[in-house]
Amino acid sequence: MRHSPADLPEYFSLVADIAAAKYLTHSVLSGSEEPPKVALLRLAQDIAPAAARWRVAAVRQLLDEARRRHEDDRAAADGWLAPRLHATMRMTRREAANSGLWNFLALVVAPDYVIWRHKGVTKDGERATADRFVGVHYKQTFARLWWAAEMFRDGDDYGPVVAACGIQDVLNTVLRFEIIDHRPTARAIVCLLERGVVRTGRDVNGLGTAINAAGSTLMYDVLAPDDGGDPEARRYWIGEAENAGPMPLDNLPDGPEDGHIPQGSVDALVKRFEELFAEAPVRGKERDAEVRSPRSGVSLDKPYSPL
């Protein structure tokens, strides 16, 4: 069941993890019953002051549009939704780290979207898992998309975000590593995706593991320096949410103009990561390389995209 505007609160609130988790019954996770909205609203904590960036309606409209466009390919909705969710929910990383916001979105505003996007066959029957409602940032349905957009954008350019979301293991595996907080690292990983060096879920997992392990001995911020972006430009972008205008649905929105990632730093890491990937133990990599060879004919190996 999709919610009408009359069913929704005007602004986002916060629902604590412990309060949200107790309502994740089997019926809710299977989609046969909705979470008790009235009870959750009683427990919710208001976000003060009320502002345009905390309005529920704009986010709900995006979710309905994502579902309409990708009804037959749920995983493809991520790449469309992530940059637009980020550009609509304009906030600092500290604010985005508050799980109460994402709990509210999943349980009060859009439980139907969570079920649609992540319901699948589990050992407990056909349902979504609890961590898609209340979970860590790389698992929770909406937090993982916002953080993917935050980590993989190149300044105001959301193009790399779309590429990153094209393989689910980028969200499921790479997004959990602390090294992804280093902007050139994130951009270099996406460059390898865009160039076809890394193509499948297995490739992504192998590359991510190799990069993360090497990060304990290699100082990526020394090899590939980055100033981290302009925080003042980010604050300005957040403050302009009231004047942002309608969200473009067919073209990518603009992110904060807080500075592009130094190309020299990205190039240095792309070279290093290619070396790490060449040495990484990835199951089937040799076979995949043979299949991609022009002498081997057409590849039947498709990029991995689980739910």
C-alpha atoms as a PDB file:
ATOM      1  CA  MET A   1       0.000   0.000   0.000  1.00  0.00           C
ATOM      2  CA  ARG A   2       1.403   3.392  -1.008  1.00  0.00           C
ATOM      3  CA  HIS A   3       0.781   6.412   1.178  1.00  0.00           C
ATOM      4  CA  SER A   4      -1.208   9.456   0.069  1.00  0.00           C
ATOM      5  CA  PRO A   5       0.000  12.918   1.151  1.00  0.00           C
ATOM      6  CA  ALA A   6      -2.826  13.089   3.690  1.00  0.00           C
ATOM      7  CA  ASP A   7      -1.392  10.038   5.470  1.00  0.00           C
ATOM      8  CA  LEU A   8       2.030  11.588   5.969  1.00  0.00           C
ATOM      9  CA  PRO A   9       3.463  13.958   8.564  1.00  0.00           C
ATOM     10  CA  GLU A  10       4.656  17.290   7.205  1.00  0.00           C
ATOM     11  CA  TYR A  11       8.195  17.058   8.539  1.00  0.00           C
ATOM     12  CA  PHE A  12      10.712  14.365   9.374  1.00  0.00           C
ATOM     13  CA  SER A  13      11.255  13.361  12.983  1.00  0.00           C
ATOM     14  CA  LEU A  14      13.614  10.969  14.754  1.00  0.00           C
ATOM     15  CA  VAL A  15      12.745   7.486  16.030  1.00  0.00           C
ATOM     16  CA  ALA A  16      15.346   5.839  18.265  1.00  0.00           C
ATOM     17  CA  ASP A  17      16.698   2.420  17.262  1.00  0.00           C
ATOM     18  CA  ILE A  18      15.362   0.629  20.329  1.00  0.00           C
ATOM     19  CA  ALA A  19      11.874   2.052  19.817  1.00  0.00           C
ATOM     20  CA  ALA A  20      11.847   1.280  16.084  1.00  0.00           C
ATOM     21  CA  ALA A  21      13.173  -2.259  16.403  1.00  0.00           C
ATOM     22  CA  LYS A  22      10.354  -3.489  18.609  1.00  0.00           C
ATOM     23  CA  TYR A  23       7.845  -2.902  15.815  1.00  0.00           C
ATOM     24  CA  LEU A  24       9.697  -5.043  13.278  1.00  0.00           C
ATOM     25  CA  THR A  25       7.384  -8.011  13.543  1.00  0.00           C
ATOM     26  CA  HIS A  26       7.202 -10.832  11.022  1.00  0.00           C
ATOM     27  CA  SER A  27       4.036  -9.240   9.601  1.00  0.00           C
ATOM     28  CA  VAL A  28       5.784  -5.920   9.057  1.00  0.00           C
ATOM     29  CA  LEU A  29       8.857  -7.524   7.501  1.00  0.00           C
ATOM     30  CA  SER A  30       6.726  -9.619   5.168  1.00  0.00           C
ATOM     31  CA  GLY A  31       4.684  -6.598   4.105  1.00  0.00           C
ATOM     32  CA  SER A  32       1.356  -8.043   5.222  1.00  0.00           C
ATOM     33  CA  GLU A  33       1.022  -5.355   7.876  1.00  0.00           C
ATOM     34  CA  GLU A  34       2.284  -1.791   8.177  1.00  0.00           C
ATOM     35  CA  PRO A  35       4.182  -0.500  11.216  1.00  0.00           C
ATOM     36  CA  PRO A  36       1.892   1.240  13.765  1.00  0.00           C
ATOM     37  CA  LYS A  37       2.245   4.833  12.570  1.00  0.00           C
ATOM     38  CA  VAL A  38       0.369   6.451  15.446  1.00  0.00           C
ATOM     39  CA  ALA A  39       2.504   4.705  18.059  1.00  0.00           C
ATOM     40  CA  LEU A  40       5.698   5.619  16.226  1.00  0.00           C
ATOM     41  CA  LEU A  41       4.685   9.262  15.892  1.00  0.00           C
ATOM     42  CA  ARG A  42       4.093   9.410  19.630  1.00  0.00           C
ATOM     43  CA  LEU A  43       7.638   8.182  20.203  1.00  0.00           C
ATOM     44  CA  ALA A  44       9.230  10.415  17.576  1.00  0.00           C
ATOM     45  CA  GLN A  45      11.374  13.411  18.454  1.00  0.00           C
ATOM     46  CA  ASP A  46      10.888  16.570  16.405  1.00  0.00           C
ATOM     47  CA  ILE A  47      13.780  18.064  14.437  1.00  0.00           C
ATOM     48  CA  ALA A  48      14.121  21.736  15.275  1.00  0.00           C
ATOM     49  CA  PRO A  49      13.881  24.114  13.641  1.00  0.00           C
ATOM     50  CA  ALA A  50      11.413  22.977  10.994  1.00  0.00           C
ATOM     51  CA  ALA A  51      12.898  23.667   7.558  1.00  0.00           C
ATOM     52  CA  ALA A  52      12.316  22.921   3.888  1.00  0.00           C
ATOM     53  CA  ARG A  53      15.015  20.254   3.875  1.00  0.00           C
ATOM     54  CA  TRP A  54      13.041  18.231   6.437  1.00  0.00           C
ATOM     55  CA  ARG A  55       9.762  18.160   4.502  1.00  0.00           C
ATOM     56  CA  VAL A  56       8.459  14.655   3.921  1.00  0.00           C
ATOM     57  CA  ALA A  57       6.401  15.217   0.758  1.00  0.00           C
ATOM     58  CA  ALA A  58       9.365  15.860  -1.571  1.00  0.00           C
ATOM     59  CA  VAL A  59      11.077  12.627  -0.501  1.00  0.00           C
ATOM     60  CA  ARG A  60       7.898  10.592  -0.763  1.00  0.00           C
ATOM     61  CA  GLN A  61       7.359  11.857  -4.310  1.00  0.00           C
ATOM     62  CA  LEU A  62      10.873  10.739  -5.256  1.00  0.00           C
ATOM     63  CA  LEU A  63      10.267   7.258  -3.875  1.00  0.00           C
ATOM     64  CA  ASP A  64       7.026   6.893  -5.815  1.00  0.00           C
ATOM     65  CA  GLU A  65       8.769   8.039  -8.997  1.00  0.00           C
ATOM     66  CA  ALA A  66      11.691   5.657  -8.466  1.00  0.00           C
ATOM     67  CA  ARG A  67       9.293   2.782  -8.093  1.00  0.00           C
ATOM     68  CA  ARG A  68       7.260   3.806 -11.129  1.00  0.00           C
ATOM     69  CA  ARG A  69      10.366   3.998 -13.305  1.00  0.00           C
ATOM     70  CA  HIS A  70      11.939   0.765 -12.088  1.00  0.00           C
ATOM     71  CA  GLU A  71       9.046  -1.519 -11.274  1.00  0.00           C
ATOM     72  CA  ASP A  72      10.643  -4.356 -13.244  1.00  0.00           C
ATOM     73  CA  ASP A  73      14.213  -3.808 -12.026  1.00  0.00           C
ATOM     74  CA  ARG A  74      14.322  -2.934  -8.356  1.00  0.00           C
ATOM     75  CA  ALA A  75      18.116  -2.763  -8.082  1.00  0.00           C
ATOM     76  CA  ALA A  76      18.242  -0.177 -10.882  1.00  0.00           C
ATOM     77  CA  ALA A  77      16.196   2.195  -8.725  1.00  0.00           C
ATOM     78  CA  ASP A  78      19.238   2.772  -6.493  1.00  0.00           C
ATOM     79  CA  GLY A  79      21.280   4.631  -9.089  1.00  0.00           C
ATOM     80  CA  TRP A  80      18.350   6.867  -9.976  1.00  0.00           C
ATOM     81  CA  LEU A  81      17.301   7.559  -6.402  1.00  0.00           C
ATOM     82  CA  ALA A  82      20.635   8.008  -4.592  1.00  0.00           C
ATOM     83  CA  PRO A  83      21.690  11.389  -6.044  1.00  0.00           C
ATOM     84  CA  ARG A  84      18.163  12.771  -5.860  1.00  0.00           C
ATOM     85  CA  LEU A  85      17.674  11.663  -2.273  1.00  0.00           C
ATOM     86  CA  HIS A  86      20.972  13.337  -1.356  1.00  0.00           C
ATOM     87  CA  ALA A  87      20.083  16.544  -3.188  1.00  0.00           C
ATOM     88  CA  THR A  88      16.669  16.652  -1.505  1.00  0.00           C
ATOM     89  CA  MET A  89      17.727  15.718   2.029  1.00  0.00           C
ATOM     90  CA  ARG A  90      20.443  18.354   2.344  1.00  0.00           C
ATOM     91  CA  MET A  91      22.331  17.861   5.574  1.00  0.00           C
ATOM     92  CA  THR A  92      25.697  17.501   7.220  1.00  0.00           C
ATOM     93  CA  ARG A  93      27.358  14.129   7.727  1.00  0.00           C
ATOM     94  CA  ARG A  94      26.751  14.478  11.453  1.00  0.00           C
ATOM     95  CA  GLU A  95      23.026  14.826  10.822  1.00  0.00           C
ATOM     96  CA  ALA A  96      23.014  11.917   8.374  1.00  0.00           C
ATOM     97  CA  ALA A  97      24.752   9.737  10.965  1.00  0.00           C
ATOM     98  CA  ASN A  98      21.661   9.939  13.199  1.00  0.00           C
ATOM     99  CA  SER A  99      19.935   6.623  12.551  1.00  0.00           C
ATOM    100  CA  GLY A 100      16.693   7.984  13.997  1.00  0.00           C
ATOM    101  CA  LEU A 101      16.106   9.933  10.780  1.00  0.00           C
ATOM    102  CA  TRP A 102      16.396   6.836   8.607  1.00  0.00           C
ATOM    103  CA  ASN A 103      14.244   4.809  11.010  1.00  0.00           C
ATOM    104  CA  PHE A 104      11.502   7.411  10.632  1.00  0.00           C
ATOM    105  CA  LEU A 105      11.749   7.359   6.843  1.00  0.00           C
ATOM    106  CA  ALA A 106      11.604   3.563   6.697  1.00  0.00           C
ATOM    107  CA  LEU A 107       8.881   2.933   9.279  1.00  0.00           C
ATOM    108  CA  VAL A 108       6.638   5.973   9.085  1.00  0.00           C
ATOM    109  CA  VAL A 109       7.094   7.524   5.640  1.00  0.00           C
ATOM    110  CA  ALA A 110       7.879   4.624   3.307  1.00  0.00           C
ATOM    111  CA  PRO A 111       7.666   1.084   4.734  1.00  0.00           C
ATOM    112  CA  ASP A 112       6.069   0.030   1.456  1.00  0.00           C
ATOM    113  CA  TYR A 113       9.169   1.135  -0.459  1.00  0.00           C
ATOM    114  CA  VAL A 114      11.441  -0.881   1.834  1.00  0.00           C
ATOM    115  CA  ILE A 115       9.325  -3.977   1.206  1.00  0.00           C
ATOM    116  CA  TRP A 116       9.180  -3.380  -2.532  1.00  0.00           C
ATOM    117  CA  ARG A 117      12.922  -2.803  -2.850  1.00  0.00           C
ATOM    118  CA  HIS A 118      14.242  -5.511  -0.521  1.00  0.00           C
ATOM    119  CA  LYS A 119      11.646  -8.219  -0.032  1.00  0.00           C
ATOM    120  CA  GLY A 120      13.091 -11.583  -0.961  1.00  0.00           C
ATOM    121  CA  VAL A 121      13.257 -15.221   0.020  1.00  0.00           C
ATOM    122  CA  THR A 122      14.955 -15.791   3.406  1.00  0.00           C
ATOM    123  CA  LYS A 123      15.148 -18.721   5.802  1.00  0.00           C
ATOM    124  CA  ASP A 124      12.165 -17.136   7.591  1.00  0.00           C
ATOM    125  CA  GLY A 125      10.034 -16.848   4.484  1.00  0.00           C
ATOM    126  CA  GLU A 126       9.527 -14.136   1.879  1.00  0.00           C
ATOM    127  CA  ARG A 127      10.280 -10.838   3.597  1.00  0.00           C
ATOM    128  CA  ALA A 128      12.701  -7.970   3.962  1.00  0.00           C
ATOM    129  CA  THR A 129      15.382  -8.320   6.595  1.00  0.00           C
ATOM    130  CA  ALA A 130      15.187  -6.126   9.696  1.00  0.00           C
ATOM    131  CA  ASP A 131      18.400  -4.252   8.857  1.00  0.00           C
ATOM    132  CA  ARG A 132      16.728  -2.759   5.784  1.00  0.00           C
ATOM    133  CA  PHE A 133      14.446  -0.867   8.197  1.00  0.00           C
ATOM    134  CA  VAL A 134      16.731  -0.347  11.194  1.00  0.00           C
ATOM    135  CA  GLY A 135      20.364  -1.031  10.430  1.00  0.00           C
ATOM    136  CA  VAL A 136      23.872   0.221   9.790  1.00  0.00           C
ATOM    137  CA  HIS A 137      24.398   2.875   7.136  1.00  0.00           C
ATOM    138  CA  TYR A 138      25.480   0.432   4.406  1.00  0.00           C
ATOM    139  CA  LYS A 139      22.436  -1.801   4.929  1.00  0.00           C
ATOM    140  CA  GLN A 140      19.488   0.442   5.812  1.00  0.00           C
ATOM    141  CA  THR A 141      17.415   1.075   2.674  1.00  0.00           C
ATOM    142  CA  PHE A 142      17.742   4.860   2.550  1.00  0.00           C
ATOM    143  CA  ALA A 143      20.870   5.580   4.579  1.00  0.00           C
ATOM    144  CA  ARG A 144      22.992   3.504   2.196  1.00  0.00           C
ATOM    145  CA  LEU A 145      21.795   5.539  -0.792  1.00  0.00           C
ATOM    146  CA  TRP A 146      22.386   8.916   0.860  1.00  0.00           C
ATOM    147  CA  TRP A 147      25.858   7.868   1.996  1.00  0.00           C
ATOM    148  CA  ALA A 148      26.683   6.398  -1.411  1.00  0.00           C
ATOM    149  CA  ALA A 149      25.850   9.763  -2.974  1.00  0.00           C
ATOM    150  CA  GLU A 150      27.876  11.581  -0.340  1.00  0.00           C
ATOM    151  CA  MET A 151      30.952   9.383  -0.673  1.00  0.00           C
ATOM    152  CA  PHE A 152      31.061   8.854  -4.444  1.00  0.00           C
ATOM    153  CA  ARG A 153      30.044  12.276  -5.800  1.00  0.00           C
ATOM    154  CA  ASP A 154      32.765  14.488  -7.282  1.00  0.00           C
ATOM    155  CA  GLY A 155      31.847  17.874  -5.894  1.00  0.00           C
ATOM    156  CA  ASP A 156      28.583  18.877  -7.532  1.00  0.00           C
ATOM    157  CA  ASP A 157      28.794  15.996 -10.053  1.00  0.00           C
ATOM    158  CA  TYR A 158      26.622  12.998  -9.151  1.00  0.00           C
ATOM    159  CA  GLY A 159      27.642  11.031 -12.246  1.00  0.00           C
ATOM    160  CA  PRO A 160      30.080   8.775 -10.347  1.00  0.00           C
ATOM    161  CA  VAL A 161      27.286   7.932  -7.893  1.00  0.00           C
ATOM    162  CA  VAL A 162      25.198   6.379 -10.655  1.00  0.00           C
ATOM    163  CA  ALA A 163      28.176   4.259 -11.746  1.00  0.00           C
ATOM    164  CA  ALA A 164      28.883   3.197  -8.156  1.00  0.00           C
ATOM    165  CA  CYS A 165      25.294   2.068  -7.620  1.00  0.00           C
ATOM    166  CA  GLY A 166      25.392  -0.015 -10.801  1.00  0.00           C
ATOM    167  CA  ILE A 167      26.975  -2.922  -8.901  1.00  0.00           C
ATOM    168  CA  GLN A 168      25.328  -3.682  -5.587  1.00  0.00           C
ATOM    169  CA  ASP A 169      28.509  -4.886  -3.937  1.00  0.00           C
ATOM    170  CA  VAL A 170      29.859  -1.335  -4.044  1.00  0.00           C
ATOM    171  CA  LEU A 171      27.119  -0.461  -1.554  1.00  0.00           C
ATOM    172  CA  ASN A 172      27.179  -3.760   0.328  1.00  0.00           C
ATOM    173  CA  THR A 173      30.952  -4.072   0.708  1.00  0.00           C
ATOM    174  CA  VAL A 174      32.967  -0.991  -0.245  1.00  0.00           C
ATOM    175  CA  LEU A 175      30.693   1.488   1.535  1.00  0.00           C
ATOM    176  CA  ARG A 176      31.473  -0.080   4.907  1.00  0.00           C
ATOM    177  CA  PHE A 177      35.236   0.582   4.663  1.00  0.00           C
ATOM    178  CA  GLU A 178      36.600   3.674   6.443  1.00  0.00           C
ATOM    179  CA  ILE A 179      39.003   4.330   3.555  1.00  0.00           C
ATOM    180  CA  ILE A 180      36.038   5.363   1.402  1.00  0.00           C
ATOM    181  CA  ASP A 181      35.955   8.605   3.402  1.00  0.00           C
ATOM    182  CA  HIS A 182      39.030   9.631   1.369  1.00  0.00           C
ATOM    183  CA  ARG A 183      37.545  11.252  -1.750  1.00  0.00           C
ATOM    184  CA  PRO A 184      40.275  10.236  -4.257  1.00  0.00           C
ATOM    185  CA  THR A 185      39.947   6.617  -3.099  1.00  0.00           C
ATOM    186  CA  ALA A 186      36.211   6.604  -3.766  1.00  0.00           C
ATOM    187  CA  ARG A 187      36.668   8.285  -7.135  1.00  0.00           C
ATOM    188  CA  ALA A 188      39.442   5.901  -8.198  1.00  0.00           C
ATOM    189  CA  ILE A 189      37.266   2.882  -7.451  1.00  0.00           C
ATOM    190  CA  VAL A 190      34.502   4.276  -9.648  1.00  0.00           C
ATOM    191  CA  CYS A 191      37.015   5.029 -12.407  1.00  0.00           C
ATOM    192  CA  LEU A 192      37.913   1.338 -12.488  1.00  0.00           C
ATOM    193  CA  LEU A 193      34.207   0.536 -12.831  1.00  0.00           C
ATOM    194  CA  GLU A 194      33.769   3.075 -15.626  1.00  0.00           C
ATOM    195  CA  ARG A 195      36.795   1.698 -17.507  1.00  0.00           C
ATOM    196  CA  GLY A 196      35.611  -1.880 -17.244  1.00  0.00           C
ATOM    197  CA  VAL A 197      38.617  -3.030 -15.234  1.00  0.00           C
ATOM    198  CA  VAL A 198      36.231  -4.020 -12.445  1.00  0.00           C
ATOM    199  CA  ARG A 199      32.987  -5.473 -13.771  1.00  0.00           C
ATOM    200  CA  THR A 200      31.286  -7.914 -11.414  1.00  0.00           C
ATOM    201  CA  GLY A 201      30.345  -8.243  -7.773  1.00  0.00           C
ATOM    202  CA  ARG A 202      33.258 -10.639  -7.261  1.00  0.00           C
ATOM    203  CA  ASP A 203      35.614  -8.069  -8.760  1.00  0.00           C
ATOM    204  CA  VAL A 204      34.324  -5.349  -6.458  1.00  0.00           C
ATOM    205  CA  ASN A 205      34.686  -7.507  -3.367  1.00  0.00           C
ATOM    206  CA  GLY A 206      38.202  -8.548  -4.341  1.00  0.00           C
ATOM    207  CA  LEU A 207      39.272  -4.987  -5.101  1.00  0.00           C
ATOM    208  CA  GLY A 208      37.677  -3.589  -1.949  1.00  0.00           C
ATOM    209  CA  THR A 209      39.349  -6.179   0.250  1.00  0.00           C
ATOM    210  CA  ALA A 210      42.744  -5.559  -1.367  1.00  0.00           C
ATOM    211  CA  ILE A 211      42.458  -1.774  -1.059  1.00  0.00           C
ATOM    212  CA  ASN A 212      41.306  -1.956   2.541  1.00  0.00           C
ATOM    213  CA  ALA A 213      44.117  -4.315   3.503  1.00  0.00           C
ATOM    214  CA  ALA A 214      46.741  -2.212   1.736  1.00  0.00           C
ATOM    215  CA  GLY A 215      45.375   0.879   3.449  1.00  0.00           C
ATOM    216  CA  SER A 216      46.861  -0.336   6.720  1.00  0.00           C
ATOM    217  CA  THR A 217      50.369   0.090   5.294  1.00  0.00           C
ATOM    218  CA  LEU A 218      49.850   2.607   2.481  1.00  0.00           C
ATOM    219  CA  MET A 219      48.816   6.127   3.426  1.00  0.00           C
ATOM    220  CA  TYR A 220      46.381   7.000   0.628  1.00  0.00           C
ATOM    221  CA  ASP A 221      46.059  10.579   1.823  1.00  0.00           C
ATOM    222  CA  VAL A 222      49.829  10.998   1.311  1.00  0.00           C
ATOM    223  CA  LEU A 223      49.908   9.193  -2.028  1.00  0.00           C
ATOM    224  CA  ALA A 224      46.827  11.083  -3.196  1.00  0.00           C
ATOM    225  CA  PRO A 225      46.383  14.350  -1.264  1.00  0.00           C
ATOM    226  CA  ASP A 226      42.978  15.991  -1.032  1.00  0.00           C
ATOM    227  CA  ASP A 227      41.774  19.052   0.866  1.00  0.00           C
ATOM    228  CA  GLY A 228      38.445  17.379   1.662  1.00  0.00           C
ATOM    229  CA  GLY A 229      36.317  19.989  -0.073  1.00  0.00           C
ATOM    230  CA  ASP A 230      35.028  23.408   0.940  1.00  0.00           C
ATOM    231  CA  PRO A 231      32.845  23.175   4.075  1.00  0.00           C
ATOM    232  CA  GLU A 232      31.545  26.715   3.609  1.00  0.00           C
ATOM    233  CA  ALA A 233      30.207  25.840   0.151  1.00  0.00           C
ATOM    234  CA  ARG A 234      28.545  22.784   1.665  1.00  0.00           C
ATOM    235  CA  ARG A 235      26.830  24.914   4.341  1.00  0.00           C
ATOM    236  CA  TYR A 236      25.637  27.333   1.662  1.00  0.00           C
ATOM    237  CA  TRP A 237      24.170  24.471  -0.383  1.00  0.00           C
ATOM    238  CA  ILE A 238      22.299  23.174   2.658  1.00  0.00           C
ATOM    239  CA  GLY A 239      20.969  26.639   3.433  1.00  0.00           C
ATOM    240  CA  GLU A 240      19.663  27.012  -0.114  1.00  0.00           C
ATOM    241  CA  ALA A 241      17.295  24.033   0.208  1.00  0.00           C
ATOM    242  CA  GLU A 242      14.342  26.419   0.466  1.00  0.00           C
ATOM    243  CA  ASN A 243      15.181  27.863  -2.975  1.00  0.00           C
ATOM    244  CA  ALA A 244      16.259  24.651  -4.681  1.00  0.00           C
ATOM    245  CA  GLY A 245      13.247  24.363  -6.982  1.00  0.00           C
ATOM    246  CA  PRO A 246      11.782  21.100  -8.322  1.00  0.00           C
ATOM    247  CA  MET A 247      14.025  18.060  -8.511  1.00  0.00           C
ATOM    248  CA  PRO A 248      15.009  17.125 -12.091  1.00  0.00           C
ATOM    249  CA  LEU A 249      13.749  13.641 -12.868  1.00  0.00           C
ATOM    250  CA  ASP A 250      15.484  12.958 -16.180  1.00  0.00           C
ATOM    251  CA  ASN A 251      18.756  14.808 -15.605  1.00  0.00           C
ATOM    252  CA  LEU A 252      20.980  14.588 -12.564  1.00  0.00           C
ATOM    253  CA  PRO A 253      20.648  17.319  -9.937  1.00  0.00           C
ATOM    254  CA  ASP A 254      23.570  19.451  -8.839  1.00  0.00           C
ATOM    255  CA  GLY A 255      25.317  18.617  -5.614  1.00  0.00           C
ATOM    256  CA  PRO A 256      27.173  21.057  -3.368  1.00  0.00           C
ATOM    257  CA  GLU A 257      29.874  23.057  -5.163  1.00  0.00           C
ATOM    258  CA  ASP A 258      32.460  22.198  -2.534  1.00  0.00           C
ATOM    259  CA  GLY A 259      35.266  21.414  -4.938  1.00  0.00           C
ATOM    260  CA  HIS A 260      36.174  18.635  -7.347  1.00  0.00           C
ATOM    261  CA  ILE A 261      38.634  15.908  -6.427  1.00  0.00           C
ATOM    262  CA  PRO A 262      42.218  16.578  -7.657  1.00  0.00           C
ATOM    263  CA  GLN A 263      42.639  14.620 -10.880  1.00  0.00           C
ATOM    264  CA  GLY A 264      46.304  13.904 -10.219  1.00  0.00           C
ATOM    265  CA  SER A 265      45.409  12.211  -6.931  1.00  0.00           C
ATOM    266  CA  VAL A 266      42.751  10.115  -8.639  1.00  0.00           C
ATOM    267  CA  ASP A 267      45.147   9.065 -11.404  1.00  0.00           C
ATOM    268  CA  ALA A 268      47.784   8.032  -8.860  1.00  0.00           C
ATOM    269  CA  LEU A 269      45.311   5.798  -7.036  1.00  0.00           C
ATOM    270  CA  VAL A 270      43.819   4.323 -10.206  1.00  0.00           C
ATOM    271  CA  LYS A 271      47.295   3.114 -11.152  1.00  0.00           C
ATOM    272  CA  ARG A 272      47.932   1.702  -7.688  1.00  0.00           C
ATOM    273  CA  PHE A 273      44.519   0.054  -7.432  1.00  0.00           C
ATOM    274  CA  GLU A 274      44.929  -1.594 -10.821  1.00  0.00           C
ATOM    275  CA  GLU A 275      48.123  -3.178  -9.482  1.00  0.00           C
ATOM    276  CA  LEU A 276      46.368  -4.332  -6.319  1.00  0.00           C
ATOM    277  CA  PHE A 277      43.459  -5.744  -8.292  1.00  0.00           C
ATOM    278  CA  ALA A 278      45.803  -7.642 -10.620  1.00  0.00           C
ATOM    279  CA  GLU A 279      47.240  -9.397  -7.561  1.00  0.00           C
ATOM    280  CA  ALA A 280      43.949  -9.861  -5.701  1.00  0.00           C
ATOM    281  CA  PRO A 281      42.614 -13.438  -5.420  1.00  0.00           C
ATOM    282  CA  VAL A 282      39.243 -13.106  -7.167  1.00  0.00           C
ATOM    283  CA  ARG A 283      37.411 -16.319  -7.984  1.00  0.00           C
ATOM    284  CA  GLY A 284      36.913 -16.661 -11.727  1.00  0.00           C
ATOM    285  CA  LYS A 285      39.031 -13.639 -12.641  1.00  0.00           C
ATOM    286  CA  GLU A 286      41.226 -15.571 -15.067  1.00  0.00           C
ATOM    287  CA  ARG A 287      38.185 -17.075 -16.762  1.00  0.00           C
ATOM    288  CA  ASP A 288      36.537 -13.661 -16.968  1.00  0.00           C
ATOM    289  CA  ALA A 289      39.642 -12.187 -18.569  1.00  0.00           C
ATOM    290  CA  GLU A 290      39.619 -14.928 -21.196  1.00  0.00           C
ATOM    291  CA  VAL A 291      35.945 -14.365 -21.897  1.00  0.00           C
ATOM    292  CA  ARG A 292      36.566 -10.641 -22.378  1.00  0.00           C
ATOM    293  CA  SER A 293      39.363 -11.334 -24.856  1.00  0.00           C
ATOM    294  CA  PRO A 294      38.370 -10.527 -28.485  1.00  0.00           C
ATOM    295  CA  ARG A 295      39.501 -14.002 -29.480  1.00  0.00           C
ATOM    296  CA  SER A 296      37.044 -15.601 -27.097  1.00  0.00           C
ATOM    297  CA  GLY A 297      33.795 -14.345 -28.626  1.00  0.00           C
ATOM    298  CA  VAL A 298      30.876 -12.802 -26.771  1.00  0.00           C
ATOM    299  CA  SER A 299      30.941 -12.691 -22.966  1.00  0.00           C
ATOM    300  CA  LEU A 300      28.028 -14.284 -21.161  1.00  0.00           C
ATOM    301  CA  ASP A 301      29.295 -13.029 -17.789  1.00  0.00           C
ATOM    302  CA  LYS A 302      27.011 -10.212 -16.678  1.00  0.00           C
ATOM    303  CA  PRO A 303      27.707  -7.667 -13.934  1.00  0.00           C
ATOM    304  CA  TYR A 304      26.432  -9.038 -10.645  1.00  0.00           C
ATOM    305  CA  SER A 305      23.379  -7.191  -9.293  1.00  0.00           C
ATOM    306  CA  PRO A 306      21.641  -8.934  -6.368  1.00  0.00           C
ATOM    307  CA  LEU A 307      18.699  -7.374  -4.537  1.00  0.00           C
END
